[in-house]
Amino acid sequence: MSETFSIACHETKTRVWIGQGWGEMTSFYTGEPETMERLRRFFNAHKGKLLVFVCNDEDDIVHAYDEFAQ
């Protein structure tokens, strides 16, 4: 099974899913309008905040973050 990856905001404790792959992110879903719209909203909502790239399946810290739902 492939791993999934997100961009997370430390300040708001939210994350947005952006892709998947085997050991590294090899599929970034740029061709899916819904995914790109959620990413655009996430970036707009988190301007000026610390964002980090996380592997949802390996990084224990990811469990402290809620899925971005705006």
N, C-alpha and C. Protein backbone atom coordinates (compact mmCIF):
# COMPACT_ATOMS: atom_id res chain seq x y z
N MET A 1 0.84 -1.17 0.00
CA MET A 1 0.00 0.00 0.00
C MET A 1 0.89 1.24 0.00
N SER A 2 0.53 2.22 -0.77
CA SER A 2 1.33 3.44 -0.84
C SER A 2 1.06 4.34 0.37
N GLU A 3 2.03 5.21 0.66
CA GLU A 3 1.90 6.17 1.75
C GLU A 3 1.22 7.42 1.23
N THR A 4 0.54 8.13 2.12
CA THR A 4 -0.09 9.39 1.73
C THR A 4 0.64 10.55 2.41
N PHE A 5 0.56 11.73 1.78
CA PHE A 5 1.30 12.90 2.25
C PHE A 5 0.38 14.10 2.36
N SER A 6 0.69 14.97 3.32
CA SER A 6 -0.09 16.18 3.56
C SER A 6 0.82 17.37 3.78
N ILE A 7 0.25 18.54 3.67
CA ILE A 7 0.87 19.77 4.14
C ILE A 7 0.10 20.15 5.40
N ALA A 8 0.83 20.44 6.48
CA ALA A 8 0.20 20.70 7.77
C ALA A 8 0.61 22.07 8.30
N CYS A 9 -0.29 22.68 9.06
CA CYS A 9 -0.04 23.97 9.70
C CYS A 9 0.12 23.73 11.21
N HIS A 10 1.30 24.08 11.75
CA HIS A 10 1.55 23.90 13.18
C HIS A 10 0.63 24.75 14.04
N GLU A 11 0.35 25.96 13.60
CA GLU A 11 -0.43 26.90 14.42
C GLU A 11 -1.89 26.47 14.56
N THR A 12 -2.52 26.09 13.45
CA THR A 12 -3.95 25.76 13.50
C THR A 12 -4.21 24.27 13.68
N LYS A 13 -3.15 23.46 13.62
CA LYS A 13 -3.26 22.00 13.78
C LYS A 13 -4.21 21.39 12.74
N THR A 14 -4.08 21.85 11.50
CA THR A 14 -4.85 21.28 10.41
C THR A 14 -3.90 20.82 9.31
N ARG A 15 -4.38 19.92 8.45
CA ARG A 15 -3.57 19.42 7.35
C ARG A 15 -4.46 19.21 6.13
N VAL A 16 -3.83 19.21 4.97
CA VAL A 16 -4.54 18.96 3.73
C VAL A 16 -3.77 17.90 2.95
N TRP A 17 -4.46 16.87 2.50
CA TRP A 17 -3.86 15.77 1.75
C TRP A 17 -3.47 16.26 0.37
N ILE A 18 -2.27 15.87 -0.09
CA ILE A 18 -1.83 16.37 -1.40
C ILE A 18 -1.32 15.29 -2.35
N GLY A 19 -1.06 14.07 -1.86
CA GLY A 19 -0.55 13.06 -2.77
C GLY A 19 -0.17 11.77 -2.10
N GLN A 20 0.42 10.86 -2.89
CA GLN A 20 0.83 9.57 -2.35
C GLN A 20 1.99 9.00 -3.15
N GLY A 21 2.57 7.94 -2.62
CA GLY A 21 3.68 7.29 -3.30
C GLY A 21 4.26 6.18 -2.45
N TRP A 22 5.37 5.64 -2.87
CA TRP A 22 6.06 4.56 -2.17
C TRP A 22 7.35 5.11 -1.58
N GLY A 23 7.34 5.48 -0.30
CA GLY A 23 8.54 5.99 0.35
C GLY A 23 8.79 7.47 0.09
N GLU A 24 8.29 7.98 -1.00
CA GLU A 24 8.34 9.41 -1.31
C GLU A 24 7.10 9.73 -2.12
N MET A 25 6.71 10.99 -2.11
CA MET A 25 5.51 11.37 -2.85
C MET A 25 5.81 11.39 -4.34
N THR A 26 5.20 10.48 -5.07
CA THR A 26 5.41 10.41 -6.51
C THR A 26 4.17 10.87 -7.28
N SER A 27 3.02 10.92 -6.62
CA SER A 27 1.78 11.36 -7.28
C SER A 27 1.22 12.58 -6.55
N PHE A 28 1.31 13.72 -7.19
CA PHE A 28 0.72 14.96 -6.68
C PHE A 28 -0.47 15.25 -7.58
N TYR A 29 -1.65 15.31 -7.01
CA TYR A 29 -2.87 15.32 -7.80
C TYR A 29 -3.21 16.70 -8.35
N THR A 30 -2.34 17.19 -9.22
CA THR A 30 -2.55 18.52 -9.82
C THR A 30 -3.66 18.51 -10.85
N GLY A 31 -4.01 17.35 -11.38
CA GLY A 31 -5.04 17.28 -12.41
C GLY A 31 -6.45 17.20 -11.86
N GLU A 32 -6.60 17.13 -10.54
CA GLU A 32 -7.91 17.02 -9.94
C GLU A 32 -8.34 18.38 -9.39
N PRO A 33 -9.32 19.02 -10.04
CA PRO A 33 -9.74 20.37 -9.64
C PRO A 33 -10.15 20.46 -8.17
N GLU A 34 -10.82 19.46 -7.64
CA GLU A 34 -11.26 19.52 -6.24
C GLU A 34 -10.06 19.56 -5.29
N THR A 35 -9.04 18.74 -5.57
CA THR A 35 -7.84 18.73 -4.74
C THR A 35 -7.11 20.07 -4.82
N MET A 36 -7.00 20.63 -6.02
CA MET A 36 -6.32 21.91 -6.20
C MET A 36 -7.09 23.04 -5.53
N GLU A 37 -8.40 22.99 -5.55
CA GLU A 37 -9.21 24.02 -4.87
C GLU A 37 -9.02 23.94 -3.36
N ARG A 38 -9.00 22.74 -2.80
CA ARG A 38 -8.78 22.58 -1.36
C ARG A 38 -7.38 23.09 -0.98
N LEU A 39 -6.39 22.80 -1.82
CA LEU A 39 -5.03 23.28 -1.56
C LEU A 39 -4.97 24.79 -1.62
N ARG A 40 -5.63 25.40 -2.60
CA ARG A 40 -5.67 26.86 -2.72
C ARG A 40 -6.31 27.47 -1.48
N ARG A 41 -7.44 26.91 -1.02
CA ARG A 41 -8.11 27.43 0.19
C ARG A 41 -7.23 27.26 1.42
N PHE A 42 -6.53 26.12 1.50
CA PHE A 42 -5.62 25.88 2.63
C PHE A 42 -4.52 26.93 2.66
N PHE A 43 -3.87 27.16 1.51
CA PHE A 43 -2.80 28.17 1.45
C PHE A 43 -3.33 29.56 1.79
N ASN A 44 -4.47 29.94 1.28
CA ASN A 44 -5.04 31.25 1.59
C ASN A 44 -5.36 31.39 3.08
N ALA A 45 -5.88 30.34 3.69
CA ALA A 45 -6.25 30.38 5.11
C ALA A 45 -5.03 30.37 6.03
N HIS A 46 -3.87 29.97 5.51
CA HIS A 46 -2.69 29.82 6.36
C HIS A 46 -1.51 30.71 5.93
N LYS A 47 -1.81 31.80 5.25
CA LYS A 47 -0.76 32.74 4.85
C LYS A 47 0.04 33.19 6.07
N GLY A 48 1.37 33.16 5.94
CA GLY A 48 2.23 33.65 7.01
C GLY A 48 2.44 32.66 8.15
N LYS A 49 1.87 31.48 8.06
CA LYS A 49 2.02 30.49 9.12
C LYS A 49 3.04 29.43 8.69
N LEU A 50 3.62 28.74 9.69
CA LEU A 50 4.58 27.68 9.42
C LEU A 50 3.85 26.45 8.88
N LEU A 51 4.20 26.05 7.66
CA LEU A 51 3.63 24.85 7.04
C LEU A 51 4.72 23.81 6.89
N VAL A 52 4.37 22.54 7.11
CA VAL A 52 5.33 21.46 6.97
C VAL A 52 4.74 20.36 6.11
N PHE A 53 5.61 19.64 5.42
CA PHE A 53 5.25 18.51 4.59
C PHE A 53 5.40 17.25 5.45
N VAL A 54 4.35 16.44 5.56
CA VAL A 54 4.40 15.25 6.42
C VAL A 54 3.92 14.01 5.68
N CYS A 55 4.48 12.88 6.07
CA CYS A 55 4.00 11.58 5.60
C CYS A 55 2.96 11.11 6.61
N ASN A 56 1.73 10.97 6.17
CA ASN A 56 0.64 10.60 7.09
C ASN A 56 0.85 9.23 7.71
N ASP A 57 1.60 8.36 7.07
CA ASP A 57 1.77 7.00 7.54
C ASP A 57 2.99 6.82 8.43
N GLU A 58 3.90 7.79 8.47
CA GLU A 58 5.12 7.65 9.25
C GLU A 58 5.26 8.66 10.37
N ASP A 59 4.81 9.86 10.15
CA ASP A 59 5.01 10.93 11.14
C ASP A 59 3.95 10.84 12.23
N ASP A 60 4.38 10.52 13.46
CA ASP A 60 3.44 10.41 14.57
C ASP A 60 2.69 11.71 14.82
N ILE A 61 3.34 12.84 14.52
CA ILE A 61 2.74 14.14 14.78
C ILE A 61 1.47 14.38 13.96
N VAL A 62 1.33 13.70 12.83
CA VAL A 62 0.19 13.93 11.95
C VAL A 62 -1.14 13.62 12.65
N HIS A 63 -1.13 12.76 13.65
CA HIS A 63 -2.36 12.40 14.35
C HIS A 63 -2.89 13.54 15.21
N ALA A 64 -2.06 14.55 15.46
CA ALA A 64 -2.47 15.72 16.22
C ALA A 64 -3.16 16.76 15.35
N TYR A 65 -3.18 16.53 14.05
CA TYR A 65 -3.73 17.50 13.10
C TYR A 65 -5.08 17.02 12.56
N ASP A 66 -6.03 17.92 12.47
CA ASP A 66 -7.33 17.61 11.87
C ASP A 66 -7.25 17.85 10.37
N GLU A 67 -8.07 17.13 9.62
CA GLU A 67 -8.14 17.34 8.18
C GLU A 67 -8.78 18.70 7.91
N PHE A 68 -8.18 19.48 7.05
CA PHE A 68 -8.69 20.79 6.66
C PHE A 68 -10.03 20.60 5.97
N ALA A 69 -11.07 21.28 6.46
CA ALA A 69 -12.42 21.02 5.96
C ALA A 69 -13.11 22.27 5.38
N GLN A 70 -12.35 23.27 4.99
CA GLN A 70 -13.01 24.48 4.48
C GLN A 70 -13.18 24.42 2.99
